[in-house]
């Protein structure tokens, strides 16, 4: 999961876990954190 800031994707992961999904990955901090850490971003 990913979103711009990380908050909504963490909520989405929590909701999916409540419904039995177990293989989830959340991009902590979202795209902003990814870009700040030097991750590649296509515009």
Protein backbone atom coordinates (compact mmCIF):
# COMPACT_ATOMS: atom_id res chain seq x y z
CA UNK A 1 0.00 0.00 0.00
CA UNK A 2 1.07 3.53 -0.56
CA UNK A 3 -0.35 7.02 -0.43
CA UNK A 4 1.22 10.46 -0.41
CA UNK A 5 1.90 10.76 3.31
CA UNK A 6 1.50 7.23 4.68
CA UNK A 7 -1.53 7.76 6.92
CA UNK A 8 -4.27 6.47 4.60
CA UNK A 9 -2.27 3.46 3.49
CA UNK A 10 -1.72 2.41 7.11
CA UNK A 11 -5.47 2.62 7.69
CA UNK A 12 -6.10 0.57 4.55
CA UNK A 13 -3.65 -2.11 5.72
CA UNK A 14 -5.35 -2.27 9.12
CA UNK A 15 -8.77 -2.68 7.53
CA UNK A 16 -7.54 -5.41 5.20
CA UNK A 17 -5.88 -7.25 8.11
CA UNK A 18 -9.22 -7.18 9.95
CA UNK A 19 -10.71 -9.00 6.94
CA UNK A 20 -8.10 -11.74 6.89
CA UNK A 21 -5.43 -10.43 4.54
CA UNK A 22 -1.97 -11.28 5.82
CA UNK A 23 0.55 -10.56 3.05
CA UNK A 24 0.49 -6.76 3.14
CA UNK A 25 3.28 -4.23 2.75
CA UNK A 26 2.88 -0.55 3.61
CA UNK A 27 5.24 2.15 2.31
CA UNK A 28 5.84 3.87 5.66
CA UNK A 29 5.73 7.62 5.32
CA UNK A 30 4.26 7.38 1.84
CA UNK A 31 5.67 8.81 -1.36
CA UNK A 32 6.96 11.89 0.43
CA UNK A 33 9.26 9.78 2.63
CA UNK A 34 10.28 7.66 -0.36
CA UNK A 35 11.30 10.72 -2.36
CA UNK A 36 13.05 12.34 0.63
CA UNK A 37 15.11 9.15 1.09
CA UNK A 38 16.31 9.38 -2.52
CA UNK A 39 13.88 6.88 -4.05
CA UNK A 40 13.22 7.27 -7.77
CA UNK A 41 10.00 9.09 -8.68
CA UNK A 42 8.72 9.50 -12.24
CA UNK A 43 6.73 12.65 -12.89
